[in-house]
PDB file of N, CA and C in Angstrom:
ATOM      1  N   UNK A   1     -22.462  18.536 -27.094  1.00  0.00           N
ATOM      2  CA  UNK A   1     -22.749  19.509 -27.601  1.00  0.00           C
ATOM      3  C   UNK A   1     -24.455  19.635 -27.189  1.00  0.00           C
ATOM      4  N   UNK A   2     -25.288  19.174 -27.683  1.00  0.00           N
ATOM      5  CA  UNK A   2     -26.728  19.529 -27.144  1.00  0.00           C
ATOM      6  C   UNK A   2     -26.550  18.448 -25.714  1.00  0.00           C
ATOM      7  N   UNK A   3     -25.756  17.881 -24.953  1.00  0.00           N
ATOM      8  CA  UNK A   3     -26.541  17.011 -23.989  1.00  0.00           C
ATOM      9  C   UNK A   3     -25.833  18.393 -22.992  1.00  0.00           C
ATOM     10  N   UNK A   4     -25.055  19.446 -23.210  1.00  0.00           N
ATOM     11  CA  UNK A   4     -24.120  20.149 -22.437  1.00  0.00           C
ATOM     12  C   UNK A   4     -25.676  21.545 -22.630  1.00  0.00           C
ATOM     13  N   UNK A   5     -26.309  21.849 -23.657  1.00  0.00           N
ATOM     14  CA  UNK A   5     -27.017  22.893 -23.373  1.00  0.00           C
ATOM     15  C   UNK A   5     -28.057  22.220 -22.762  1.00  0.00           C
ATOM     16  N   UNK A   6     -28.627  20.923 -22.668  1.00  0.00           N
ATOM     17  CA  UNK A   6     -29.849  20.786 -21.608  1.00  0.00           C
ATOM     18  C   UNK A   6     -29.424  20.504 -20.231  1.00  0.00           C
ATOM     19  N   UNK A   7     -27.864  20.219 -20.041  1.00  0.00           N
ATOM     20  CA  UNK A   7     -27.445  20.318 -19.101  1.00  0.00           C
ATOM     21  C   UNK A   7     -27.540  21.824 -18.043  1.00  0.00           C
ATOM     22  N   UNK A   8     -27.372  22.425 -19.204  1.00  0.00           N
ATOM     23  CA  UNK A   8     -26.958  24.028 -18.483  1.00  0.00           C
ATOM     24  C   UNK A   8     -28.398  24.409 -18.203  1.00  0.00           C
ATOM     25  N   UNK A   9     -29.519  23.537 -18.800  1.00  0.00           N
ATOM     26  CA  UNK A   9     -30.612  24.718 -18.830  1.00  0.00           C
ATOM     27  C   UNK A   9     -31.560  23.901 -17.833  1.00  0.00           C
ATOM     28  N   UNK A  10     -30.686  22.699 -17.084  1.00  0.00           N
ATOM     29  CA  UNK A  10     -31.461  21.826 -16.312  1.00  0.00           C
ATOM     30  C   UNK A  10     -30.747  22.693 -15.000  1.00  0.00           C
ATOM     31  N   UNK A  11     -29.506  22.988 -15.181  1.00  0.00           N
ATOM     32  CA  UNK A  11     -28.601  23.628 -13.673  1.00  0.00           C
ATOM     33  C   UNK A  11     -29.030  25.096 -13.533  1.00  0.00           C
ATOM     34  N   UNK A  12     -30.220  25.265 -14.743  1.00  0.00           N
ATOM     35  CA  UNK A  12     -30.213  27.039 -14.503  1.00  0.00           C
ATOM     36  C   UNK A  12     -29.418  27.961 -14.670  1.00  0.00           C
ATOM     37  N   UNK A  13     -27.984  27.531 -15.805  1.00  0.00           N
ATOM     38  CA  UNK A  13     -27.348  28.694 -15.948  1.00  0.00           C
ATOM     39  C   UNK A  13     -27.965  30.335 -16.835  1.00  0.00           C
ATOM     40  N   UNK A  14     -28.928  29.776 -17.339  1.00  0.00           N
ATOM     41  CA  UNK A  14     -29.461  30.833 -18.446  1.00  0.00           C
ATOM     42  C   UNK A  14     -30.208  31.909 -17.698  1.00  0.00           C
ATOM     43  N   UNK A  15     -30.384  31.488 -16.160  1.00  0.00           N
ATOM     44  CA  UNK A  15     -30.970  32.517 -15.497  1.00  0.00           C
ATOM     45  C   UNK A  15     -29.462  33.698 -14.700  1.00  0.00           C
ATOM     46  N   UNK A  16     -28.731  33.107 -14.860  1.00  0.00           N
ATOM     47  CA  UNK A  16     -27.375  33.934 -14.052  1.00  0.00           C
ATOM     48  C   UNK A  16     -26.355  34.247 -15.127  1.00  0.00           C
ATOM     49  N   UNK A  17     -26.394  34.191 -16.442  1.00  0.00           N
ATOM     50  CA  UNK A  17     -25.607  34.547 -17.753  1.00  0.00           C
ATOM     51  C   UNK A  17     -25.507  36.029 -17.725  1.00  0.00           C
ATOM     52  N   UNK A  18     -24.762  36.493 -18.222  1.00  0.00           N
ATOM     53  CA  UNK A  18     -24.844  37.749 -18.419  1.00  0.00           C
ATOM     54  C   UNK A  18     -26.087  38.595 -19.149  1.00  0.00           C
ATOM     55  N   UNK A  19     -26.762  37.811 -20.270  1.00  0.00           N
ATOM     56  CA  UNK A  19     -28.042  38.531 -21.078  1.00  0.00           C
ATOM     57  C   UNK A  19     -29.248  37.161 -20.332  1.00  0.00           C
ATOM     58  N   UNK A  20     -28.926  37.480 -19.313  1.00  0.00           N
ATOM     59  CA  UNK A  20     -29.993  36.328 -18.044  1.00  0.00           C
ATOM     60  C   UNK A  20     -31.607  38.044 -17.807  1.00  0.00           C
ATOM     61  N   UNK A  21     -31.187  38.960 -18.482  1.00  0.00           N
ATOM     62  CA  UNK A  21     -32.338  39.907 -18.091  1.00  0.00           C
ATOM     63  C   UNK A  21     -33.583  39.658 -19.359  1.00  0.00           C
ATOM     64  N   UNK A  22     -33.325  39.429 -20.393  1.00  0.00           N
ATOM     65  CA  UNK A  22     -33.736  38.870 -21.324  1.00  0.00           C
ATOM     66  C   UNK A  22     -34.730  37.709 -20.688  1.00  0.00           C
ATOM     67  N   UNK A  23     -34.660  36.307 -20.520  1.00  0.00           N
ATOM     68  CA  UNK A  23     -34.666  35.433 -20.148  1.00  0.00           C
ATOM     69  C   UNK A  23     -36.146  35.817 -18.717  1.00  0.00           C
ATOM     70  N   UNK A  24     -35.281  37.038 -17.803  1.00  0.00           N
ATOM     71  CA  UNK A  24     -36.223  36.942 -16.539  1.00  0.00           C
ATOM     72  C   UNK A  24     -37.578  37.435 -17.098  1.00  0.00           C
ATOM     73  N   UNK A  25     -37.667  38.569 -18.340  1.00  0.00           N
ATOM     74  CA  UNK A  25     -38.478  39.280 -18.457  1.00  0.00           C
ATOM     75  C   UNK A  25     -39.688  38.382 -19.281  1.00  0.00           C
ATOM     76  N   UNK A  26     -39.070  37.424 -20.158  1.00  0.00           N
ATOM     77  CA  UNK A  26     -39.689  36.035 -20.661  1.00  0.00           C
ATOM     78  C   UNK A  26     -40.628  35.210 -19.372  1.00  0.00           C
ATOM     79  N   UNK A  27     -39.827  34.610 -18.638  1.00  0.00           N
ATOM     80  CA  UNK A  27     -40.486  34.163 -17.441  1.00  0.00           C
ATOM     81  C   UNK A  27     -41.598  34.761 -16.846  1.00  0.00           C
ATOM     82  N   UNK A  28     -41.165  36.058 -16.576  1.00  0.00           N
ATOM     83  CA  UNK A  28     -42.272  36.604 -15.627  1.00  0.00           C
ATOM     84  C   UNK A  28     -43.368  36.714 -16.508  1.00  0.00           C
ATOM     85  N   UNK A  29     -43.469  37.309 -17.825  1.00  0.00           N
ATOM     86  CA  UNK A  29     -44.381  37.623 -19.008  1.00  0.00           C
ATOM     87  C   UNK A  29     -45.490  36.200 -19.383  1.00  0.00           C
ATOM     88  N   UNK A  30     -44.176  35.019 -19.232  1.00  0.00           N
ATOM     89  CA  UNK A  30     -45.175  33.940 -19.099  1.00  0.00           C
ATOM     90  C   UNK A  30     -45.713  33.419 -17.748  1.00  0.00           C
ATOM     91  N   UNK A  31     -45.311  33.340 -16.898  1.00  0.00           N
ATOM     92  CA  UNK A  31     -46.001  33.465 -15.563  1.00  0.00           C
ATOM     93  C   UNK A  31     -47.089  34.499 -15.165  1.00  0.00           C
ATOM     94  N   UNK A  32     -47.113  35.509 -15.367  1.00  0.00           N
ATOM     95  CA  UNK A  32     -48.184  36.224 -15.779  1.00  0.00           C
ATOM     96  C   UNK A  32     -49.337  35.783 -16.753  1.00  0.00           C
ATOM     97  N   UNK A  33     -48.836  35.276 -17.777  1.00  0.00           N
ATOM     98  CA  UNK A  33     -50.162  34.817 -18.510  1.00  0.00           C
ATOM     99  C   UNK A  33     -50.659  33.393 -18.254  1.00  0.00           C
ATOM    100  N   UNK A  34     -49.787  32.670 -17.452  1.00  0.00           N
ATOM    101  CA  UNK A  34     -50.291  31.806 -16.703  1.00  0.00           C
ATOM    102  C   UNK A  34     -51.567  31.858 -15.589  1.00  0.00           C
ATOM    103  N   UNK A  35     -51.244  32.534 -14.909  1.00  0.00           N
ATOM    104  CA  UNK A  35     -52.055  33.381 -14.218  1.00  0.00           C
ATOM    105  C   UNK A  35     -53.620  34.276 -15.115  1.00  0.00           C
ATOM    106  N   UNK A  36     -53.147  34.348 -15.760  1.00  0.00           N
ATOM    107  CA  UNK A  36     -54.219  34.673 -16.562  1.00  0.00           C
ATOM    108  C   UNK A  36     -55.447  33.643 -17.016  1.00  0.00           C
ATOM    109  N   UNK A  37     -54.692  33.011 -17.304  1.00  0.00           N
ATOM    110  CA  UNK A  37     -55.327  31.854 -17.880  1.00  0.00           C
ATOM    111  C   UNK A  37     -56.248  31.058 -16.725  1.00  0.00           C
ATOM    112  N   UNK A  38     -55.303  30.681 -15.917  1.00  0.00           N
ATOM    113  CA  UNK A  38     -55.516  30.347 -14.537  1.00  0.00           C
ATOM    114  C   UNK A  38     -57.117  30.472 -13.873  1.00  0.00           C
ATOM    115  N   UNK A  39     -56.979  32.428 -13.905  1.00  0.00           N
ATOM    116  CA  UNK A  39     -57.933  32.877 -13.410  1.00  0.00           C
ATOM    117  C   UNK A  39     -59.217  32.583 -14.476  1.00  0.00           C
ATOM    118  N   UNK A  40     -59.295  32.974 -15.693  1.00  0.00           N
ATOM    119  CA  UNK A  40     -60.053  32.615 -16.555  1.00  0.00           C
ATOM    120  C   UNK A  40     -60.787  31.455 -16.625  1.00  0.00           C
ATOM    121  N   UNK A  41     -59.914  30.276 -16.541  1.00  0.00           N
ATOM    122  CA  UNK A  41     -60.435  28.903 -15.776  1.00  0.00           C
ATOM    123  C   UNK A  41     -62.045  29.025 -15.403  1.00  0.00           C
ATOM    124  N   UNK A  42     -61.241  29.474 -13.946  1.00  0.00           N
ATOM    125  CA  UNK A  42     -61.707  29.291 -12.744  1.00  0.00           C
ATOM    126  C   UNK A  42     -63.004  30.231 -12.688  1.00  0.00           C
ATOM    127  N   UNK A  43     -63.097  31.430 -13.810  1.00  0.00           N
ATOM    128  CA  UNK A  43     -64.533  32.416 -14.015  1.00  0.00           C
ATOM    129  C   UNK A  43     -65.444  31.625 -14.945  1.00  0.00           C
ATOM    130  N   UNK A  44     -64.650  30.738 -15.245  1.00  0.00           N
ATOM    131  CA  UNK A  44     -65.704  30.417 -16.576  1.00  0.00           C
ATOM    132  C   UNK A  44     -65.980  29.177 -15.802  1.00  0.00           C
ATOM    133  N   UNK A  45     -65.524  28.144 -14.720  1.00  0.00           N
ATOM    134  CA  UNK A  45     -66.327  27.123 -14.244  1.00  0.00           C
ATOM    135  C   UNK A  45     -67.485  27.910 -13.102  1.00  0.00           C
ATOM    136  N   UNK A  46     -67.180  29.596 -12.660  1.00  0.00           N
ATOM    137  CA  UNK A  46     -67.911  29.698 -11.804  1.00  0.00           C
ATOM    138  C   UNK A  46     -69.382  30.050 -12.061  1.00  0.00           C
ATOM    139  N   UNK A  47     -69.379  30.628 -13.941  1.00  0.00           N
ATOM    140  CA  UNK A  47     -69.925  30.979 -14.139  1.00  0.00           C
ATOM    141  C   UNK A  47     -71.176  29.529 -14.595  1.00  0.00           C
ATOM    142  N   UNK A  48     -70.234  28.910 -15.584  1.00  0.00           N
ATOM    143  CA  UNK A  48     -71.049  27.117 -15.644  1.00  0.00           C
ATOM    144  C   UNK A  48     -71.870  27.127 -14.386  1.00  0.00           C
ATOM    145  N   UNK A  49     -71.573  26.959 -13.017  1.00  0.00           N
ATOM    146  CA  UNK A  49     -72.073  26.766 -12.068  1.00  0.00           C
ATOM    147  C   UNK A  49     -73.360  27.296 -11.403  1.00  0.00           C
ATOM    148  N   UNK A  50     -73.068  28.589 -11.682  1.00  0.00           N
ATOM    149  CA  UNK A  50     -74.050  29.555 -11.863  1.00  0.00           C
ATOM    150  C   UNK A  50     -75.202  28.938 -12.349  1.00  0.00           C
ATOM    151  N   UNK A  51     -75.075  29.003 -13.822  1.00  0.00           N
ATOM    152  CA  UNK A  51     -76.124  28.781 -14.908  1.00  0.00           C
ATOM    153  C   UNK A  51     -76.604  27.412 -15.060  1.00  0.00           C
ATOM    154  N   UNK A  52     -75.576  26.348 -14.075  1.00  0.00           N
ATOM    155  CA  UNK A  52     -76.632  24.958 -13.853  1.00  0.00           C
ATOM    156  C   UNK A  52     -77.822  25.841 -12.582  1.00  0.00           C
ATOM    157  N   UNK A  53     -77.042  26.151 -11.950  1.00  0.00           N
ATOM    158  CA  UNK A  53     -77.923  26.900 -10.532  1.00  0.00           C
ATOM    159  C   UNK A  53     -79.010  27.136 -10.620  1.00  0.00           C
ATOM    160  N   UNK A  54     -79.044  27.746 -11.591  1.00  0.00           N
ATOM    161  CA  UNK A  54     -80.204  29.086 -12.276  1.00  0.00           C
ATOM    162  C   UNK A  54     -81.066  28.360 -13.031  1.00  0.00           C
ATOM    163  N   UNK A  55     -80.072  27.385 -13.595  1.00  0.00           N
ATOM    164  CA  UNK A  55     -81.236  26.459 -14.654  1.00  0.00           C
ATOM    165  C   UNK A  55     -82.341  25.294 -13.920  1.00  0.00           C
ATOM    166  N   UNK A  56     -81.789  25.067 -12.613  1.00  0.00           N
ATOM    167  CA  UNK A  56     -82.275  24.252 -11.568  1.00  0.00           C
ATOM    168  C   UNK A  56     -83.381  25.035 -11.044  1.00  0.00           C
ATOM    169  N   UNK A  57     -83.047  26.481 -11.035  1.00  0.00           N
ATOM    170  CA  UNK A  57     -84.440  27.184 -10.423  1.00  0.00           C
ATOM    171  C   UNK A  57     -85.341  27.366 -11.210  1.00  0.00           C
ATOM    172  N   UNK A  58     -85.063  27.802 -12.303  1.00  0.00           N
ATOM    173  CA  UNK A  58     -86.435  28.031 -13.369  1.00  0.00           C
ATOM    174  C   UNK A  58     -87.058  26.615 -13.705  1.00  0.00           C
ATOM    175  N   UNK A  59     -86.507  25.287 -13.482  1.00  0.00           N
ATOM    176  CA  UNK A  59     -87.182  24.227 -13.573  1.00  0.00           C
ATOM    177  C   UNK A  59     -88.443  24.025 -12.280  1.00  0.00           C
ATOM    178  N   UNK A  60     -87.502  24.333 -11.151  1.00  0.00           N
ATOM    179  CA  UNK A  60     -88.694  24.474 -10.225  1.00  0.00           C
ATOM    180  C   UNK A  60     -89.750  25.782 -10.267  1.00  0.00           C
ATOM    181  N   UNK A  61     -89.488  26.655 -10.905  1.00  0.00           N
ATOM    182  CA  UNK A  61     -90.405  27.657 -10.116  1.00  0.00           C
ATOM    183  C   UNK A  61     -91.531  27.671 -11.605  1.00  0.00           C
ATOM    184  N   UNK A  62     -90.735  26.583 -12.758  1.00  0.00           N
ATOM    185  CA  UNK A  62     -91.991  26.247 -13.318  1.00  0.00           C
ATOM    186  C   UNK A  62     -93.036  25.507 -13.245  1.00  0.00           C
ATOM    187  N   UNK A  63     -92.291  24.628 -12.579  1.00  0.00           N
ATOM    188  CA  UNK A  63     -93.498  23.184 -12.012  1.00  0.00           C
ATOM    189  C   UNK A  63     -94.106  23.916 -10.835  1.00  0.00           C
ATOM    190  N   UNK A  64     -93.603  24.849 -10.091  1.00  0.00           N
ATOM    191  CA  UNK A  64     -94.522  25.757  -9.065  1.00  0.00           C
ATOM    192  C   UNK A  64     -95.486  25.980  -9.696  1.00  0.00           C
ATOM    193  N   UNK A  65     -95.120  26.742 -11.143  1.00  0.00           N
ATOM    194  CA  UNK A  65     -96.380  27.872 -11.692  1.00  0.00           C
ATOM    195  C   UNK A  65     -97.165  26.567 -12.187  1.00  0.00           C
ATOM    196  N   UNK A  66     -96.661  25.969 -12.928  1.00  0.00           N
ATOM    197  CA  UNK A  66     -97.906  24.816 -13.806  1.00  0.00           C
ATOM    198  C   UNK A  66     -98.956  24.524 -12.668  1.00  0.00           C
ATOM    199  N   UNK A  67     -98.150  23.685 -11.131  1.00  0.00           N
ATOM    200  CA  UNK A  67     -99.168  23.535 -10.291  1.00  0.00           C
ATOM    201  C   UNK A  67    -100.121  24.653  -9.452  1.00  0.00           C
ATOM    202  N   UNK A  68     -99.712  25.870  -9.764  1.00  0.00           N
ATOM    203  CA  UNK A  68    -100.147  26.525  -9.250  1.00  0.00           C
ATOM    204  C   UNK A  68    -101.199  27.202 -10.419  1.00  0.00           C
ATOM    205  N   UNK A  69    -101.024  26.810 -11.180  1.00  0.00           N
ATOM    206  CA  UNK A  69    -102.140  27.940 -11.952  1.00  0.00           C
ATOM    207  C   UNK A  69    -103.712  26.523 -12.095  1.00  0.00           C
ATOM    208  N   UNK A  70    -102.760  25.012 -12.325  1.00  0.00           N
ATOM    209  CA  UNK A  70    -104.016  24.308 -11.998  1.00  0.00           C
ATOM    210  C   UNK A  70    -104.339  23.728 -10.697  1.00  0.00           C
ATOM    211  N   UNK A  71    -103.917  24.407  -9.381  1.00  0.00           N
ATOM    212  CA  UNK A  71    -105.012  24.855  -8.602  1.00  0.00           C
ATOM    213  C   UNK A  71    -105.818  25.787  -8.802  1.00  0.00           C
ATOM    214  N   UNK A  72    -105.552  27.077  -9.480  1.00  0.00           N
ATOM    215  CA  UNK A  72    -106.061  28.003  -9.776  1.00  0.00           C
ATOM    216  C   UNK A  72    -107.502  27.750 -10.737  1.00  0.00           C
ATOM    217  N   UNK A  73    -107.635  26.857 -11.736  1.00  0.00           N
ATOM    218  CA  UNK A  73    -107.986  26.233 -12.241  1.00  0.00           C
ATOM    219  C   UNK A  73    -109.371  25.548 -11.577  1.00  0.00           C
ATOM    220  N   UNK A  74    -109.155  24.767 -10.804  1.00  0.00           N
ATOM    221  CA  UNK A  74    -109.914  24.007  -9.555  1.00  0.00           C
ATOM    222  C   UNK A  74    -110.717  24.894  -9.134  1.00  0.00           C
ATOM    223  N   UNK A  75    -110.232  26.320  -8.387  1.00  0.00           N
ATOM    224  CA  UNK A  75    -111.006  26.859  -7.366  1.00  0.00           C
ATOM    225  C   UNK A  75    -111.705  27.577  -8.199  1.00  0.00           C
ATOM    226  N   UNK A  76    -111.477  28.428  -9.289  1.00  0.00           N
ATOM    227  CA  UNK A  76    -112.316  29.259  -9.965  1.00  0.00           C
ATOM    228  C   UNK A  76    -113.835  28.567 -10.848  1.00  0.00           C
ATOM    229  N   UNK A  77    -113.554  26.998 -10.362  1.00  0.00           N
ATOM    230  CA  UNK A  77    -114.756  26.215 -11.565  1.00  0.00           C
ATOM    231  C   UNK A  77    -115.739  26.950 -10.962  1.00  0.00           C
ATOM    232  N   UNK A  78    -117.077  27.089 -11.546  1.00  0.00           N
ATOM    233  CA  UNK A  78    -118.102  27.400 -10.723  1.00  0.00           C
ATOM    234  C   UNK A  78    -118.658  26.854  -9.794  1.00  0.00           C
ATOM    235  N   UNK A  79    -119.209  25.635  -9.703  1.00  0.00           N
ATOM    236  CA  UNK A  79    -119.001  24.160  -8.596  1.00  0.00           C
ATOM    237  C   UNK A  79    -118.527  24.631  -7.995  1.00  0.00           C
ATOM    238  N   UNK A  80    -117.030  24.957  -7.646  1.00  0.00           N
ATOM    239  CA  UNK A  80    -116.451  25.559  -5.983  1.00  0.00           C
ATOM    240  C   UNK A  80    -116.969  26.790  -5.920  1.00  0.00           C
ATOM    241  N   UNK A  81    -117.252  27.633  -6.532  1.00  0.00           N
ATOM    242  CA  UNK A  81    -117.247  28.738  -6.409  1.00  0.00           C
ATOM    243  C   UNK A  81    -118.884  29.336  -5.742  1.00  0.00           C
ATOM    244  N   UNK A  82    -119.522  28.452  -6.590  1.00  0.00           N
ATOM    245  CA  UNK A  82    -121.271  28.210  -5.174  1.00  0.00           C
ATOM    246  C   UNK A  82    -121.203  27.593  -4.420  1.00  0.00           C
ATOM    247  N   UNK A  83    -120.056  26.572  -4.035  1.00  0.00           N
ATOM    248  CA  UNK A  83    -120.097  26.069  -2.797  1.00  0.00           C
ATOM    249  C   UNK A  83    -119.205  26.870  -1.983  1.00  0.00           C
ATOM    250  N   UNK A  84    -118.592  27.709  -2.143  1.00  0.00           N
ATOM    251  CA  UNK A  84    -117.989  28.743  -1.061  1.00  0.00           C
ATOM    252  C   UNK A  84    -118.673  29.784  -0.741  1.00  0.00           C
ATOM    253  N   UNK A  85    -119.520  30.343  -1.663  1.00  0.00           N
ATOM    254  CA  UNK A  85    -120.465  31.360  -1.283  1.00  0.00           C
ATOM    255  C   UNK A  85    -121.707  30.777  -0.624  1.00  0.00           C
ATOM    256  N   UNK A  86    -122.188  29.760  -0.872  1.00  0.00           N
ATOM    257  CA  UNK A  86    -123.195  28.909   0.085  1.00  0.00           C
ATOM    258  C   UNK A  86    -122.684  28.743   1.647  1.00  0.00           C
ATOM    259  N   UNK A  87    -121.460  28.731   1.808  1.00  0.00           N
ATOM    260  CA  UNK A  87    -121.609  28.529   3.060  1.00  0.00           C
ATOM    261  C   UNK A  87    -121.362  30.132   3.737  1.00  0.00           C
ATOM    262  N   UNK A  88    -121.291  31.225   2.954  1.00  0.00           N
ATOM    263  CA  UNK A  88    -121.779  32.379   3.472  1.00  0.00           C
ATOM    264  C   UNK A  88    -122.784  33.007   3.288  1.00  0.00           C
ATOM    265  N   UNK A  89    -123.655  32.030   2.979  1.00  0.00           N
ATOM    266  CA  UNK A  89    -125.026  32.637   2.614  1.00  0.00           C
ATOM    267  C   UNK A  89    -125.330  33.240   1.371  1.00  0.00           C
ATOM    268  N   UNK A  90    -124.867  33.367   0.522  1.00  0.00           N
ATOM    269  CA  UNK A  90    -125.476  33.407  -0.918  1.00  0.00           C
ATOM    270  C   UNK A  90    -125.556  32.369  -1.580  1.00  0.00           C
ATOM    271  N   UNK A  91    -127.014  32.796  -2.167  1.00  0.00           N
ATOM    272  CA  UNK A  91    -126.962  31.682  -3.503  1.00  0.00           C
ATOM    273  C   UNK A  91    -127.104  31.733  -5.018  1.00  0.00           C
ATOM    274  N   UNK A  92    -126.791  31.556  -6.213  1.00  0.00           N
ATOM    275  CA  UNK A  92    -126.803  31.840  -7.037  1.00  0.00           C
ATOM    276  C   UNK A  92    -128.386  32.287  -7.231  1.00  0.00           C
ATOM    277  N   UNK A  93    -128.581  33.140  -8.310  1.00  0.00           N
ATOM    278  CA  UNK A  93    -129.859  33.589  -8.441  1.00  0.00           C
ATOM    279  C   UNK A  93    -130.926  32.310  -9.202  1.00  0.00           C
ATOM    280  N   UNK A  94    -131.837  32.637  -9.221  1.00  0.00           N
ATOM    281  CA  UNK A  94    -132.615  32.039  -9.926  1.00  0.00           C
ATOM    282  C   UNK A  94    -133.354  32.426 -10.975  1.00  0.00           C
ATOM    283  N   UNK A  95    -133.278  34.000 -11.018  1.00  0.00           N
ATOM    284  CA  UNK A  95    -133.898  34.630 -12.290  1.00  0.00           C
ATOM    285  C   UNK A  95    -133.209  34.788 -13.472  1.00  0.00           C
ATOM    286  N   UNK A  96    -133.159  34.661 -14.071  1.00  0.00           N
ATOM    287  CA  UNK A  96    -132.233  35.399 -15.273  1.00  0.00           C
ATOM    288  C   UNK A  96    -131.860  36.982 -15.376  1.00  0.00           C
ATOM    289  N   UNK A  97    -131.005  37.322 -15.815  1.00  0.00           N
ATOM    290  CA  UNK A  97    -130.427  38.216 -15.663  1.00  0.00           C
ATOM    291  C   UNK A  97    -131.347  39.149 -16.850  1.00  0.00           C
ATOM    292  N   UNK A  98    -131.453  40.506 -16.485  1.00  0.00           N
ATOM    293  CA  UNK A  98    -132.129  41.556 -17.416  1.00  0.00           C
ATOM    294  C   UNK A  98    -131.357  42.414 -17.939  1.00  0.00           C
ATOM    295  N   UNK A  99    -131.527  42.856 -19.214  1.00  0.00           N
ATOM    296  CA  UNK A  99    -130.839  44.315 -19.361  1.00  0.00           C
ATOM    297  C   UNK A  99    -131.653  45.061 -19.461  1.00  0.00           C
ATOM    298  N   UNK A 100    -130.935  46.057 -19.265  1.00  0.00           N
ATOM    299  CA  UNK A 100    -131.577  47.629 -18.833  1.00  0.00           C
ATOM    300  C   UNK A 100    -131.042  48.496 -19.725  1.00  0.00           C
ATOM    301  N   UNK A 101    -131.988  48.945 -20.593  1.00  0.00           N
ATOM    302  CA  UNK A 101    -131.630  49.742 -21.966  1.00  0.00           C
ATOM    303  C   UNK A 101    -132.447  51.293 -21.377  1.00  0.00           C
ATOM    304  N   UNK A 102    -131.283  52.261 -20.967  1.00  0.00           N
ATOM    305  CA  UNK A 102    -131.599  53.476 -20.823  1.00  0.00           C
ATOM    306  C   UNK A 102    -131.915  54.471 -22.162  1.00  0.00           C
ATOM    307  N   UNK A 103    -132.787  55.110 -22.235  1.00  0.00           N
ATOM    308  CA  UNK A 103    -132.950  56.008 -23.858  1.00  0.00           C
ATOM    309  C   UNK A 103    -132.913  57.351 -22.673  1.00  0.00           C
ATOM    310  N   UNK A 104    -132.073  57.779 -23.392  1.00  0.00           N
ATOM    311  CA  UNK A 104    -132.023  59.449 -23.375  1.00  0.00           C
ATOM    312  C   UNK A 104    -132.969  60.202 -24.237  1.00  0.00           C
ATOM    313  N   UNK A 105    -133.375  61.351 -23.702  1.00  0.00           N
ATOM    314  CA  UNK A 105    -133.805  62.370 -25.361  1.00  0.00           C
ATOM    315  C   UNK A 105    -132.647  63.267 -25.530  1.00  0.00           C
ATOM    316  N   UNK A 106    -132.534  63.470 -26.768  1.00  0.00           N
ATOM    317  CA  UNK A 106    -131.864  64.591 -27.199  1.00  0.00           C
ATOM    318  C   UNK A 106    -132.780  65.695 -27.034  1.00  0.00           C
ATOM    319  N   UNK A 107    -131.683  67.038 -26.736  1.00  0.00           N
ATOM    320  CA  UNK A 107    -132.419  68.396 -26.589  1.00  0.00           C
ATOM    321  C   UNK A 107    -132.002  69.362 -27.634  1.00  0.00           C
ATOM    322  N   UNK A 108    -133.030  69.507 -28.098  1.00  0.00           N
ATOM    323  CA  UNK A 108    -133.031  70.296 -30.134  1.00  0.00           C
ATOM    324  C   UNK A 108    -132.798  71.868 -30.018  1.00  0.00           C
TER     325      UNK A 108
END
């Protein structure tokens, strides 16, 4: 009995008998479900690869930022600025700065 059922399934008789329409609907449903699952898995893989790529890009940009910031700190040093200005003919002032106070008279 059980052997006959398995044999009929392997032969595909469940697809051609009288109530095969129910079986076909179920098979089509399962096929569509499998396609959706495969599509979802591919989409998830694509997103994982994109996230990894963006993480690498963030690491590179962070490294570049740190490098540029250290270069900027060196360029902003007073000794470097003085050296650059001396090349252009400017020298630091020898006189200290003076505070200018402006007093305005009130008109009453």
